[in-house]
Amino acid sequence: MAIQHAVLALLAGGPSHGYQLKGAFEAAVGPQWGPLNIGHLYQILDRLSRDELVVAERQPQPIKPDRVVYEITPDGRAELARWLAEPSPRSGGFRDDFFLKVTAAARSGSTATVRAVLSNQRGHLLRELRNLDGLRRAADDPVVGLLLTAASRHVTADLSFVDDAEAVLLGDGGRLLAGLAASTSDQSSDEAGSTGSPPVSGSGAGRAVG
């Protein structure tokens, strides 16, 4: 996740200290992101400082401990402009825990296992969708509303995948699953045989060496 670039974008509007940045980030991206860990934020700010994309100034306070205020540098503005000009690839590619779960369930050959996996995921996604819709209706910031709509569309696409998996894996009464389980079993047997000891042959087989 390019949180460091989001921090640069916030600092482009003016200098700020850590807790101000935390509040501004959470208000900007909306509740679907979740809270930003302040320790992680300070790690990002330290990295940006080392890379000379921001500068830090320690400001004394009369009662509280000194406050560190961060300001974006010209190099930081150039890096922010470079990031904004590039398309964004998927951060995790198409590697998804649920994809692996569907694969494992399908290879088991059990219609009950596949049905349970798909049903559990559908229920989870429907609850997530209802939560996002409620947050979107309550959002005052139009950008936050837009981000919540985007999140809802992602969940809707995931629900479509669950429907597709159900149609493909359970639509033929279990014949496809049985075939997958059989092919998995055959492959395991072949691999086990290929790693066994080779047969002993030839006239010297079994002869003691003296």
N, C-alpha and C. Protein backbone atom coordinates (compact mmCIF):
# COMPACT_ATOMS: atom_id res chain seq x y z
N MET A 1 0.84 -1.19 0.00
CA MET A 1 0.00 0.00 0.00
C MET A 1 0.88 1.25 0.00
N ALA A 2 0.52 2.21 -0.83
CA ALA A 2 1.32 3.42 -0.97
C ALA A 2 0.90 4.47 0.06
N ILE A 3 0.92 4.10 1.35
CA ILE A 3 0.52 5.05 2.37
C ILE A 3 1.49 6.22 2.40
N GLN A 4 2.78 5.95 2.12
CA GLN A 4 3.75 7.03 2.16
C GLN A 4 3.40 8.14 1.16
N HIS A 5 2.82 7.75 0.02
CA HIS A 5 2.45 8.76 -0.95
C HIS A 5 1.20 9.53 -0.51
N ALA A 6 0.29 8.85 0.18
CA ALA A 6 -0.86 9.55 0.75
C ALA A 6 -0.40 10.57 1.79
N VAL A 7 0.62 10.21 2.57
CA VAL A 7 1.18 11.15 3.55
C VAL A 7 1.80 12.35 2.84
N LEU A 8 2.53 12.09 1.76
CA LEU A 8 3.09 13.21 0.98
C LEU A 8 1.98 14.11 0.45
N ALA A 9 0.87 13.52 0.01
CA ALA A 9 -0.24 14.31 -0.51
C ALA A 9 -0.83 15.20 0.58
N LEU A 10 -0.93 14.66 1.80
CA LEU A 10 -1.44 15.47 2.90
C LEU A 10 -0.48 16.60 3.24
N LEU A 11 0.82 16.31 3.23
CA LEU A 11 1.81 17.34 3.55
C LEU A 11 1.94 18.38 2.44
N ALA A 12 1.51 18.01 1.24
CA ALA A 12 1.53 19.00 0.15
C ALA A 12 0.62 20.18 0.45
N GLY A 13 -0.36 19.98 1.32
CA GLY A 13 -1.26 21.06 1.71
C GLY A 13 -0.71 21.94 2.81
N GLY A 14 0.43 21.54 3.41
CA GLY A 14 1.05 22.34 4.46
C GLY A 14 1.67 21.46 5.52
N PRO A 15 2.59 22.00 6.33
CA PRO A 15 3.26 21.23 7.39
C PRO A 15 2.25 20.68 8.39
N SER A 16 2.62 19.56 9.00
CA SER A 16 1.72 18.92 9.96
C SER A 16 2.53 18.01 10.87
N HIS A 17 1.97 17.70 12.04
CA HIS A 17 2.62 16.74 12.93
C HIS A 17 1.88 15.40 12.87
N GLY A 18 2.41 14.41 13.56
CA GLY A 18 1.96 13.03 13.41
C GLY A 18 0.49 12.82 13.65
N TYR A 19 -0.03 13.28 14.77
CA TYR A 19 -1.43 13.01 15.09
C TYR A 19 -2.38 13.80 14.16
N GLN A 20 -1.93 14.97 13.70
CA GLN A 20 -2.73 15.68 12.69
C GLN A 20 -2.82 14.87 11.41
N LEU A 21 -1.69 14.29 11.00
CA LEU A 21 -1.67 13.49 9.78
C LEU A 21 -2.53 12.24 9.93
N LYS A 22 -2.47 11.62 11.09
CA LYS A 22 -3.30 10.43 11.34
C LYS A 22 -4.78 10.78 11.19
N GLY A 23 -5.22 11.86 11.82
CA GLY A 23 -6.63 12.26 11.72
C GLY A 23 -7.02 12.65 10.31
N ALA A 24 -6.13 13.37 9.62
CA ALA A 24 -6.43 13.80 8.25
C ALA A 24 -6.51 12.62 7.30
N PHE A 25 -5.61 11.63 7.49
CA PHE A 25 -5.63 10.45 6.64
C PHE A 25 -6.93 9.66 6.83
N GLU A 26 -7.30 9.42 8.09
CA GLU A 26 -8.51 8.63 8.36
C GLU A 26 -9.76 9.34 7.87
N ALA A 27 -9.78 10.68 7.97
CA ALA A 27 -10.94 11.42 7.47
C ALA A 27 -10.99 11.39 5.94
N ALA A 28 -9.80 11.37 5.30
CA ALA A 28 -9.76 11.44 3.84
C ALA A 28 -10.14 10.13 3.18
N VAL A 29 -9.69 9.00 3.75
CA VAL A 29 -9.91 7.72 3.07
C VAL A 29 -11.20 7.04 3.51
N GLY A 30 -11.80 7.46 4.63
CA GLY A 30 -13.08 6.91 5.03
C GLY A 30 -12.98 5.72 5.95
N PRO A 31 -14.10 5.30 6.53
CA PRO A 31 -14.09 4.25 7.55
C PRO A 31 -13.80 2.86 7.02
N GLN A 32 -13.93 2.63 5.72
CA GLN A 32 -13.69 1.28 5.21
C GLN A 32 -12.22 0.91 5.31
N TRP A 33 -11.33 1.90 5.42
CA TRP A 33 -9.89 1.62 5.52
C TRP A 33 -9.53 1.11 6.90
N GLY A 34 -10.16 1.69 7.92
CA GLY A 34 -9.81 1.37 9.29
C GLY A 34 -8.80 2.36 9.83
N PRO A 35 -8.53 2.33 11.15
CA PRO A 35 -7.62 3.30 11.75
C PRO A 35 -6.19 3.10 11.28
N LEU A 36 -5.45 4.19 11.19
CA LEU A 36 -4.03 4.15 10.84
C LEU A 36 -3.21 4.07 12.12
N ASN A 37 -2.39 3.05 12.25
CA ASN A 37 -1.56 2.87 13.44
C ASN A 37 -0.53 4.00 13.52
N ILE A 38 -0.51 4.71 14.65
CA ILE A 38 0.37 5.87 14.78
C ILE A 38 1.83 5.46 14.74
N GLY A 39 2.16 4.29 15.29
CA GLY A 39 3.54 3.82 15.22
C GLY A 39 3.98 3.57 13.79
N HIS A 40 3.09 2.97 13.00
CA HIS A 40 3.40 2.73 11.58
C HIS A 40 3.55 4.06 10.84
N LEU A 41 2.72 5.04 11.18
CA LEU A 41 2.81 6.35 10.55
C LEU A 41 4.17 6.99 10.83
N TYR A 42 4.64 6.89 12.06
CA TYR A 42 5.94 7.49 12.38
C TYR A 42 7.08 6.75 11.69
N GLN A 43 6.94 5.44 11.48
CA GLN A 43 7.93 4.72 10.69
C GLN A 43 7.98 5.25 9.26
N ILE A 44 6.79 5.52 8.69
CA ILE A 44 6.73 6.07 7.33
C ILE A 44 7.37 7.45 7.29
N LEU A 45 7.07 8.28 8.28
CA LEU A 45 7.65 9.62 8.31
C LEU A 45 9.18 9.56 8.46
N ASP A 46 9.67 8.64 9.27
CA ASP A 46 11.13 8.47 9.41
C ASP A 46 11.75 8.07 8.07
N ARG A 47 11.08 7.17 7.34
CA ARG A 47 11.60 6.73 6.05
C ARG A 47 11.58 7.90 5.05
N LEU A 48 10.50 8.67 5.05
CA LEU A 48 10.42 9.82 4.15
C LEU A 48 11.49 10.84 4.49
N SER A 49 11.79 10.99 5.77
CA SER A 49 12.86 11.92 6.19
C SER A 49 14.22 11.42 5.71
N ARG A 50 14.49 10.11 5.86
CA ARG A 50 15.77 9.57 5.40
C ARG A 50 15.92 9.73 3.90
N ASP A 51 14.81 9.60 3.17
CA ASP A 51 14.85 9.74 1.71
C ASP A 51 14.81 11.19 1.27
N GLU A 52 14.79 12.12 2.24
CA GLU A 52 14.78 13.56 1.98
C GLU A 52 13.57 14.00 1.19
N LEU A 53 12.45 13.28 1.41
CA LEU A 53 11.19 13.68 0.79
C LEU A 53 10.39 14.59 1.72
N VAL A 54 10.72 14.55 3.01
CA VAL A 54 10.17 15.50 3.98
C VAL A 54 11.30 15.94 4.89
N VAL A 55 11.09 17.07 5.55
CA VAL A 55 12.01 17.52 6.59
C VAL A 55 11.23 17.64 7.88
N ALA A 56 11.91 17.35 8.97
CA ALA A 56 11.28 17.38 10.29
C ALA A 56 11.88 18.52 11.11
N GLU A 57 11.01 19.23 11.80
CA GLU A 57 11.44 20.33 12.67
C GLU A 57 10.84 20.11 14.05
N ARG A 58 11.69 20.11 15.06
CA ARG A 58 11.23 19.93 16.43
C ARG A 58 10.83 21.28 17.00
N GLN A 59 9.59 21.38 17.44
CA GLN A 59 9.06 22.63 17.98
C GLN A 59 8.77 22.46 19.46
N PRO A 60 9.38 23.30 20.32
CA PRO A 60 9.12 23.20 21.76
C PRO A 60 7.72 23.69 22.10
N GLN A 61 7.14 23.06 23.12
CA GLN A 61 5.83 23.46 23.63
C GLN A 61 5.98 23.78 25.12
N PRO A 62 5.18 24.73 25.61
CA PRO A 62 5.38 25.18 27.00
C PRO A 62 5.14 24.10 28.04
N ILE A 63 4.17 23.22 27.82
CA ILE A 63 3.83 22.22 28.83
C ILE A 63 4.09 20.81 28.30
N LYS A 64 3.59 20.52 27.11
CA LYS A 64 3.72 19.18 26.54
C LYS A 64 5.14 18.96 26.00
N PRO A 65 5.50 17.71 25.72
CA PRO A 65 6.80 17.44 25.09
C PRO A 65 6.91 18.13 23.73
N ASP A 66 8.14 18.28 23.27
CA ASP A 66 8.37 18.91 21.97
C ASP A 66 7.57 18.19 20.89
N ARG A 67 7.10 18.97 19.93
CA ARG A 67 6.32 18.43 18.82
C ARG A 67 7.16 18.46 17.55
N VAL A 68 7.13 17.36 16.80
CA VAL A 68 7.87 17.28 15.54
C VAL A 68 6.90 17.56 14.40
N VAL A 69 7.20 18.60 13.62
CA VAL A 69 6.37 19.01 12.50
C VAL A 69 7.10 18.63 11.21
N TYR A 70 6.36 18.04 10.28
CA TYR A 70 6.94 17.57 9.02
C TYR A 70 6.48 18.46 7.87
N GLU A 71 7.41 18.66 6.93
CA GLU A 71 7.10 19.49 5.76
C GLU A 71 7.65 18.81 4.51
N ILE A 72 6.89 18.83 3.45
CA ILE A 72 7.32 18.18 2.21
C ILE A 72 8.42 19.00 1.55
N THR A 73 9.37 18.32 0.93
CA THR A 73 10.47 18.97 0.23
C THR A 73 10.17 19.01 -1.28
N PRO A 74 10.97 19.76 -2.06
CA PRO A 74 10.80 19.70 -3.51
C PRO A 74 10.93 18.28 -4.08
N ASP A 75 11.86 17.49 -3.53
CA ASP A 75 11.97 16.10 -3.98
C ASP A 75 10.71 15.31 -3.63
N GLY A 76 10.11 15.63 -2.48
CA GLY A 76 8.87 14.98 -2.10
C GLY A 76 7.73 15.33 -3.05
N ARG A 77 7.66 16.57 -3.46
CA ARG A 77 6.62 16.97 -4.43
C ARG A 77 6.84 16.28 -5.77
N ALA A 78 8.11 16.13 -6.17
CA ALA A 78 8.39 15.44 -7.43
C ALA A 78 7.99 13.98 -7.35
N GLU A 79 8.26 13.34 -6.19
CA GLU A 79 7.87 11.93 -6.01
C GLU A 79 6.36 11.78 -5.99
N LEU A 80 5.67 12.71 -5.36
CA LEU A 80 4.21 12.68 -5.35
C LEU A 80 3.65 12.81 -6.76
N ALA A 81 4.22 13.72 -7.56
CA ALA A 81 3.76 13.91 -8.94
C ALA A 81 4.03 12.65 -9.77
N ARG A 82 5.18 12.00 -9.54
CA ARG A 82 5.49 10.77 -10.28
C ARG A 82 4.48 9.69 -9.96
N TRP A 83 4.16 9.53 -8.67
CA TRP A 83 3.19 8.51 -8.23
C TRP A 83 1.81 8.77 -8.81
N LEU A 84 1.38 10.01 -8.80
CA LEU A 84 0.05 10.34 -9.32
C LEU A 84 -0.06 10.10 -10.83
N ALA A 85 1.07 10.20 -11.53
CA ALA A 85 1.06 10.05 -12.98
C ALA A 85 1.07 8.61 -13.43
N GLU A 86 1.32 7.67 -12.52
CA GLU A 86 1.42 6.25 -12.90
C GLU A 86 0.12 5.52 -12.60
N PRO A 87 -0.21 4.49 -13.40
CA PRO A 87 -1.36 3.63 -13.06
C PRO A 87 -1.02 2.80 -11.83
N SER A 88 -2.05 2.29 -11.18
CA SER A 88 -1.87 1.53 -9.94
C SER A 88 -2.15 0.05 -10.18
N PRO A 89 -1.12 -0.81 -10.14
CA PRO A 89 -1.37 -2.26 -10.23
C PRO A 89 -1.98 -2.76 -8.93
N ARG A 90 -2.59 -3.94 -8.98
CA ARG A 90 -3.12 -4.54 -7.76
C ARG A 90 -1.96 -4.79 -6.79
N SER A 91 -2.14 -4.40 -5.53
CA SER A 91 -1.06 -4.53 -4.57
C SER A 91 -0.70 -5.98 -4.31
N GLY A 92 -1.68 -6.88 -4.35
CA GLY A 92 -1.43 -8.29 -4.10
C GLY A 92 -1.60 -9.15 -5.33
N GLY A 93 -1.64 -8.53 -6.51
CA GLY A 93 -1.92 -9.31 -7.71
C GLY A 93 -3.28 -9.97 -7.58
N PHE A 94 -3.37 -11.22 -8.02
CA PHE A 94 -4.62 -11.97 -7.92
C PHE A 94 -4.48 -13.11 -6.92
N ARG A 95 -3.56 -12.95 -5.98
CA ARG A 95 -3.38 -13.96 -4.94
C ARG A 95 -4.38 -13.67 -3.83
N ASP A 96 -5.27 -14.60 -3.60
CA ASP A 96 -6.36 -14.36 -2.67
C ASP A 96 -6.58 -15.62 -1.84
N ASP A 97 -6.75 -15.45 -0.54
CA ASP A 97 -6.95 -16.59 0.36
C ASP A 97 -8.18 -17.40 -0.04
N PHE A 98 -9.24 -16.72 -0.46
CA PHE A 98 -10.47 -17.44 -0.80
C PHE A 98 -10.27 -18.28 -2.05
N PHE A 99 -9.47 -17.81 -3.01
CA PHE A 99 -9.19 -18.61 -4.20
C PHE A 99 -8.55 -19.94 -3.79
N LEU A 100 -7.60 -19.88 -2.86
CA LEU A 100 -6.95 -21.10 -2.40
C LEU A 100 -7.93 -22.01 -1.67
N LYS A 101 -8.85 -21.39 -0.93
CA LYS A 101 -9.85 -22.17 -0.19
C LYS A 101 -10.78 -22.91 -1.15
N VAL A 102 -11.18 -22.23 -2.23
CA VAL A 102 -12.03 -22.88 -3.23
C VAL A 102 -11.27 -24.02 -3.89
N THR A 103 -9.99 -23.81 -4.19
CA THR A 103 -9.18 -24.86 -4.79
C THR A 103 -9.11 -26.09 -3.88
N ALA A 104 -8.85 -25.86 -2.60
CA ALA A 104 -8.75 -26.97 -1.66
C ALA A 104 -10.08 -27.70 -1.51
N ALA A 105 -11.16 -26.95 -1.43
CA ALA A 105 -12.48 -27.57 -1.29
C ALA A 105 -12.83 -28.39 -2.53
N ALA A 106 -12.55 -27.84 -3.71
CA ALA A 106 -12.88 -28.54 -4.95
C ALA A 106 -12.08 -29.83 -5.08
N ARG A 107 -10.79 -29.79 -4.73
CA ARG A 107 -9.94 -30.98 -4.84
C ARG A 107 -10.31 -32.04 -3.82
N SER A 108 -11.03 -31.65 -2.77
CA SER A 108 -11.46 -32.65 -1.80
C SER A 108 -12.51 -33.59 -2.38
N GLY A 109 -13.22 -33.15 -3.41
CA GLY A 109 -14.27 -33.95 -4.03
C GLY A 109 -15.58 -33.96 -3.27
N SER A 110 -15.65 -33.21 -2.18
CA SER A 110 -16.84 -33.23 -1.33
C SER A 110 -17.78 -32.08 -1.67
N THR A 111 -18.99 -32.40 -2.12
CA THR A 111 -19.96 -31.33 -2.41
C THR A 111 -20.34 -30.59 -1.13
N ALA A 112 -20.38 -31.29 0.00
CA ALA A 112 -20.72 -30.64 1.27
C ALA A 112 -19.66 -29.61 1.66
N THR A 113 -18.39 -29.96 1.45
CA THR A 113 -17.31 -29.03 1.78
C THR A 113 -17.36 -27.80 0.88
N VAL A 114 -17.54 -28.01 -0.41
CA VAL A 114 -17.62 -26.88 -1.35
C VAL A 114 -18.81 -26.00 -1.01
N ARG A 115 -19.97 -26.63 -0.75
CA ARG A 115 -21.17 -25.85 -0.44
C ARG A 115 -20.98 -25.03 0.83
N ALA A 116 -20.32 -25.61 1.83
CA ALA A 116 -20.10 -24.90 3.09
C ALA A 116 -19.14 -23.73 2.90
N VAL A 117 -18.07 -23.94 2.15
CA VAL A 117 -17.10 -22.87 1.90
C VAL A 117 -17.76 -21.70 1.17
N LEU A 118 -18.53 -22.02 0.12
CA LEU A 118 -19.17 -20.96 -0.66
C LEU A 118 -20.26 -20.27 0.15
N SER A 119 -21.00 -21.01 0.94
CA SER A 119 -22.07 -20.42 1.75
C SER A 119 -21.50 -19.49 2.81
N ASN A 120 -20.43 -19.92 3.47
CA ASN A 120 -19.80 -19.08 4.49
C ASN A 120 -19.28 -17.78 3.90
N GLN A 121 -18.65 -17.89 2.72
CA GLN A 121 -18.11 -16.69 2.09
C GLN A 121 -19.22 -15.75 1.62
N ARG A 122 -20.29 -16.32 1.09
CA ARG A 122 -21.41 -15.48 0.63
C ARG A 122 -22.01 -14.72 1.83
N GLY A 123 -22.21 -15.40 2.94
CA GLY A 123 -22.74 -14.72 4.12
C GLY A 123 -21.84 -13.60 4.60
N HIS A 124 -20.53 -13.87 4.61
CA HIS A 124 -19.57 -12.84 5.03
C HIS A 124 -19.62 -11.63 4.09
N LEU A 125 -19.67 -11.87 2.79
CA LEU A 125 -19.68 -10.78 1.82
C LEU A 125 -20.98 -9.98 1.90
N LEU A 126 -22.11 -10.64 2.12
CA LEU A 126 -23.37 -9.92 2.23
C LEU A 126 -23.38 -9.02 3.46
N ARG A 127 -22.82 -9.52 4.57
CA ARG A 127 -22.72 -8.67 5.76
C ARG A 127 -21.80 -7.47 5.50
N GLU A 128 -20.71 -7.73 4.81
CA GLU A 128 -19.77 -6.65 4.48
C GLU A 128 -20.43 -5.61 3.57
N LEU A 129 -21.22 -6.09 2.62
CA LEU A 129 -21.89 -5.19 1.69
C LEU A 129 -22.92 -4.32 2.42
N ARG A 130 -23.68 -4.91 3.33
CA ARG A 130 -24.65 -4.12 4.10
C ARG A 130 -23.96 -3.07 4.95
N ASN A 131 -22.82 -3.42 5.54
CA ASN A 131 -22.07 -2.47 6.35
C ASN A 131 -21.56 -1.31 5.50
N LEU A 132 -21.01 -1.62 4.34
CA LEU A 132 -20.50 -0.57 3.45
C LEU A 132 -21.61 0.34 2.96
N ASP A 133 -22.75 -0.24 2.63
CA ASP A 133 -23.88 0.57 2.18
C ASP A 133 -24.35 1.53 3.27
N GLY A 134 -24.37 1.05 4.52
CA GLY A 134 -24.75 1.92 5.63
C GLY A 134 -23.75 3.05 5.82
N LEU A 135 -22.46 2.74 5.73
CA LEU A 135 -21.44 3.77 5.86
C LEU A 135 -21.53 4.78 4.72
N ARG A 136 -21.81 4.29 3.52
CA ARG A 136 -21.89 5.19 2.37
C ARG A 136 -23.06 6.16 2.52
N ARG A 137 -24.21 5.68 3.00
CA ARG A 137 -25.36 6.56 3.18
C ARG A 137 -25.10 7.61 4.25
N ALA A 138 -24.24 7.27 5.22
CA ALA A 138 -23.96 8.21 6.31
C ALA A 138 -22.80 9.15 6.00
N ALA A 139 -22.09 8.92 4.91
CA ALA A 139 -20.90 9.71 4.60
C ALA A 139 -21.28 11.11 4.14
N ASP A 140 -20.62 12.11 4.71
CA ASP A 140 -20.84 13.50 4.29
C ASP A 140 -19.86 13.93 3.21
N ASP A 141 -18.65 13.37 3.25
CA ASP A 141 -17.61 13.73 2.28
C ASP A 141 -17.89 12.99 0.98
N PRO A 142 -18.01 13.71 -0.15
CA PRO A 142 -18.31 13.02 -1.42
C PRO A 142 -17.20 12.07 -1.86
N VAL A 143 -15.94 12.39 -1.53
CA VAL A 143 -14.84 11.50 -1.91
C VAL A 143 -14.91 10.22 -1.09
N VAL A 144 -15.19 10.34 0.21
CA VAL A 144 -15.36 9.15 1.04
C VAL A 144 -16.52 8.30 0.53
N GLY A 145 -17.62 8.96 0.14
CA GLY A 145 -18.75 8.23 -0.44
C GLY A 145 -18.35 7.49 -1.70
N LEU A 146 -17.51 8.11 -2.52
CA LEU A 146 -17.03 7.48 -3.75
C LEU A 146 -16.18 6.25 -3.43
N LEU A 147 -15.30 6.37 -2.43
CA LEU A 147 -14.45 5.24 -2.05
C LEU A 147 -15.27 4.10 -1.48
N LEU A 148 -16.30 4.43 -0.72
CA LEU A 148 -17.18 3.38 -0.18
C LEU A 148 -17.96 2.69 -1.29
N THR A 149 -18.36 3.45 -2.31
CA THR A 149 -19.01 2.84 -3.47
C THR A 149 -18.07 1.88 -4.19
N ALA A 150 -16.81 2.30 -4.33
CA ALA A 150 -15.82 1.43 -4.97
C ALA A 150 -15.63 0.15 -4.16
N ALA A 151 -15.58 0.27 -2.83
CA ALA A 151 -15.44 -0.91 -1.99
C ALA A 151 -16.64 -1.84 -2.16
N SER A 152 -17.83 -1.27 -2.26
CA SER A 152 -19.04 -2.07 -2.46
C SER A 152 -18.98 -2.82 -3.79
N ARG A 153 -18.47 -2.16 -4.81
CA ARG A 153 -18.37 -2.82 -6.12
C ARG A 153 -17.39 -4.00 -6.07
N HIS A 154 -16.31 -3.85 -5.30
CA HIS A 154 -15.38 -4.97 -5.14
C HIS A 154 -16.08 -6.16 -4.48
N VAL A 155 -16.87 -5.88 -3.44
CA VAL A 155 -17.59 -6.95 -2.74
C VAL A 155 -18.61 -7.60 -3.67
N THR A 156 -19.28 -6.78 -4.48
CA THR A 156 -20.26 -7.32 -5.43
C THR A 156 -19.58 -8.24 -6.44
N ALA A 157 -18.39 -7.85 -6.89
CA ALA A 157 -17.64 -8.71 -7.82
C ALA A 157 -17.26 -10.02 -7.14
N ASP A 158 -16.88 -9.97 -5.86
CA ASP A 158 -16.55 -11.19 -5.13
C ASP A 158 -17.78 -12.09 -4.99
N LEU A 159 -18.94 -11.49 -4.79
CA LEU A 159 -20.17 -12.28 -4.73
C LEU A 159 -20.45 -12.96 -6.07
N SER A 160 -20.16 -12.27 -7.16
CA SER A 160 -20.34 -12.88 -8.48
C SER A 160 -19.43 -14.09 -8.65
N PHE A 161 -18.21 -13.99 -8.12
CA PHE A 161 -17.30 -15.14 -8.20
C PHE A 161 -17.84 -16.32 -7.41
N VAL A 162 -18.43 -16.06 -6.23
CA VAL A 162 -19.03 -17.15 -5.45
C VAL A 162 -20.14 -17.82 -6.25
N ASP A 163 -20.97 -17.01 -6.92
CA ASP A 163 -22.04 -17.56 -7.77
C ASP A 163 -21.46 -18.40 -8.91
N ASP A 164 -20.39 -17.90 -9.54
CA ASP A 164 -19.75 -18.64 -10.63
C ASP A 164 -19.20 -19.98 -10.13
N ALA A 165 -18.54 -19.94 -8.98
CA ALA A 165 -17.96 -21.17 -8.42
C ALA A 165 -19.05 -22.18 -8.10
N GLU A 166 -20.16 -21.71 -7.57
CA GLU A 166 -21.27 -22.60 -7.25
C GLU A 166 -21.83 -23.25 -8.52
N ALA A 167 -21.98 -22.45 -9.57
CA ALA A 167 -22.53 -22.98 -10.82
C ALA A 167 -21.60 -24.01 -11.45
N VAL A 168 -20.30 -23.75 -11.42
CA VAL A 168 -19.35 -24.65 -12.07
C VAL A 168 -19.12 -25.91 -11.24
N LEU A 169 -18.95 -25.75 -9.93
CA LEU A 169 -18.54 -26.87 -9.09
C LEU A 169 -19.70 -27.73 -8.60
N LEU A 170 -20.88 -27.14 -8.50
CA LEU A 170 -22.02 -27.88 -7.94
C LEU A 170 -23.16 -28.07 -8.94
N GLY A 171 -23.00 -27.56 -10.14
CA GLY A 171 -24.11 -27.58 -11.08
C GLY A 171 -24.35 -28.90 -11.76
N ASP A 172 -23.43 -29.86 -11.63
CA ASP A 172 -23.59 -31.14 -12.34
C ASP A 172 -23.81 -32.31 -11.39
N GLY A 173 -24.22 -32.01 -10.18
CA GLY A 173 -24.49 -33.08 -9.23
C GLY A 173 -23.27 -33.73 -8.63
N GLY A 174 -22.11 -33.11 -8.74
CA GLY A 174 -20.91 -33.65 -8.10
C GLY A 174 -19.97 -34.39 -9.02
N ARG A 175 -20.30 -34.50 -10.31
CA ARG A 175 -19.44 -35.27 -11.22
C ARG A 175 -18.08 -34.58 -11.40
N LEU A 176 -18.10 -33.26 -11.55
CA LEU A 176 -16.84 -32.54 -11.73
C LEU A 176 -15.95 -32.70 -10.50
N LEU A 177 -16.52 -32.58 -9.31
CA LEU A 177 -15.73 -32.71 -8.09
C LEU A 177 -15.14 -34.11 -7.97
N ALA A 178 -15.92 -35.11 -8.32
CA ALA A 178 -15.41 -36.48 -8.27
C ALA A 178 -14.23 -36.66 -9.20
N GLY A 179 -14.31 -36.06 -10.38
CA GLY A 179 -13.20 -36.15 -11.33
C GLY A 179 -11.96 -35.43 -10.82
N LEU A 180 -12.15 -34.26 -10.19
CA LEU A 180 -11.02 -33.53 -9.63
C LEU A 180 -10.35 -34.32 -8.52
N ALA A 181 -11.16 -34.92 -7.66
CA ALA A 181 -10.61 -35.71 -6.56
C ALA A 181 -9.84 -36.91 -7.09
N ALA A 182 -10.38 -37.56 -8.14
CA ALA A 182 -9.72 -38.73 -8.71
C ALA A 182 -8.39 -38.35 -9.35
N SER A 183 -8.37 -37.22 -10.06
CA SER A 183 -7.13 -36.80 -10.70
C SER A 183 -6.09 -36.41 -9.67
N THR A 184 -6.52 -35.81 -8.56
CA THR A 184 -5.59 -35.47 -7.49
C THR A 184 -5.01 -36.72 -6.86
N SER A 185 -5.86 -37.74 -6.65
CA SER A 185 -5.40 -39.00 -6.08
C SER A 185 -4.43 -39.71 -7.00
N ASP A 186 -4.74 -39.72 -8.32
CA ASP A 186 -3.86 -40.36 -9.29
C ASP A 186 -2.50 -39.67 -9.33
N GLN A 187 -2.51 -38.35 -9.27
CA GLN A 187 -1.26 -37.60 -9.32
C GLN A 187 -0.41 -37.90 -8.09
N SER A 188 -1.06 -37.97 -6.93
CA SER A 188 -0.33 -38.28 -5.70
C SER A 188 0.28 -39.67 -5.77
N SER A 189 -0.47 -40.65 -6.33
CA SER A 189 0.03 -42.01 -6.45
C SER A 189 1.23 -42.07 -7.39
N ASP A 190 1.14 -41.34 -8.52
CA ASP A 190 2.24 -41.32 -9.48
C ASP A 190 3.49 -40.72 -8.85
N GLU A 191 3.32 -39.64 -8.10
CA GLU A 191 4.47 -39.01 -7.48
C GLU A 191 5.09 -39.90 -6.42
N ALA A 192 4.24 -40.61 -5.67
CA ALA A 192 4.77 -41.52 -4.66
C ALA A 192 5.57 -42.64 -5.30
N GLY A 193 5.06 -43.16 -6.44
CA GLY A 193 5.77 -44.23 -7.13
C GLY A 193 7.09 -43.77 -7.71
N SER A 194 7.13 -42.55 -8.19
CA SER A 194 8.35 -42.06 -8.83
C SER A 194 9.45 -41.80 -7.83
N THR A 195 9.11 -41.64 -6.54
CA THR A 195 10.14 -41.39 -5.52
C THR A 195 10.57 -42.64 -4.79
N GLY A 196 9.97 -43.78 -5.15
CA GLY A 196 10.35 -45.02 -4.49
C GLY A 196 11.69 -45.53 -4.99
N SER A 197 12.21 -46.58 -4.36
CA SER A 197 13.49 -47.16 -4.77
C SER A 197 13.32 -47.90 -6.09
N PRO A 198 14.28 -47.78 -7.01
CA PRO A 198 14.16 -48.48 -8.29
C PRO A 198 14.30 -49.97 -8.07
N PRO A 199 13.64 -50.79 -8.91
CA PRO A 199 13.75 -52.26 -8.76
C PRO A 199 15.16 -52.73 -9.02
N VAL A 200 15.59 -53.75 -8.29
CA VAL A 200 16.92 -54.32 -8.45
C VAL A 200 16.87 -55.37 -9.55
N SER A 201 17.73 -55.30 -10.52
CA SER A 201 17.71 -56.26 -11.62
C SER A 201 19.15 -56.65 -11.96
N GLY A 202 19.27 -57.65 -12.81
CA GLY A 202 20.58 -58.09 -13.23
C GLY A 202 21.02 -59.34 -12.53
N SER A 203 22.09 -59.98 -13.01
CA SER A 203 22.54 -61.27 -12.48
C SER A 203 23.10 -61.14 -11.08
N GLY A 204 23.48 -59.91 -10.70
CA GLY A 204 24.07 -59.78 -9.38
C GLY A 204 23.07 -59.46 -8.30
N ALA A 205 21.79 -59.43 -8.64
CA ALA A 205 20.78 -59.06 -7.66
C ALA A 205 20.73 -60.08 -6.54
N GLY A 206 20.80 -59.60 -5.31
CA GLY A 206 20.66 -60.48 -4.15
C GLY A 206 21.96 -61.23 -3.83
N ARG A 207 23.02 -61.11 -4.64
CA ARG A 207 24.26 -61.84 -4.40
C ARG A 207 25.09 -61.11 -3.37
N ALA A 208 25.58 -61.84 -2.42
CA ALA A 208 26.43 -61.24 -1.40
C ALA A 208 27.76 -60.88 -2.00
N VAL A 209 28.29 -59.78 -1.58
CA VAL A 209 29.61 -59.35 -2.06
C VAL A 209 30.64 -59.82 -1.06
N GLY A 210 31.57 -60.64 -1.55
CA GLY A 210 32.54 -61.17 -0.62
C GLY A 210 33.93 -60.81 -1.02
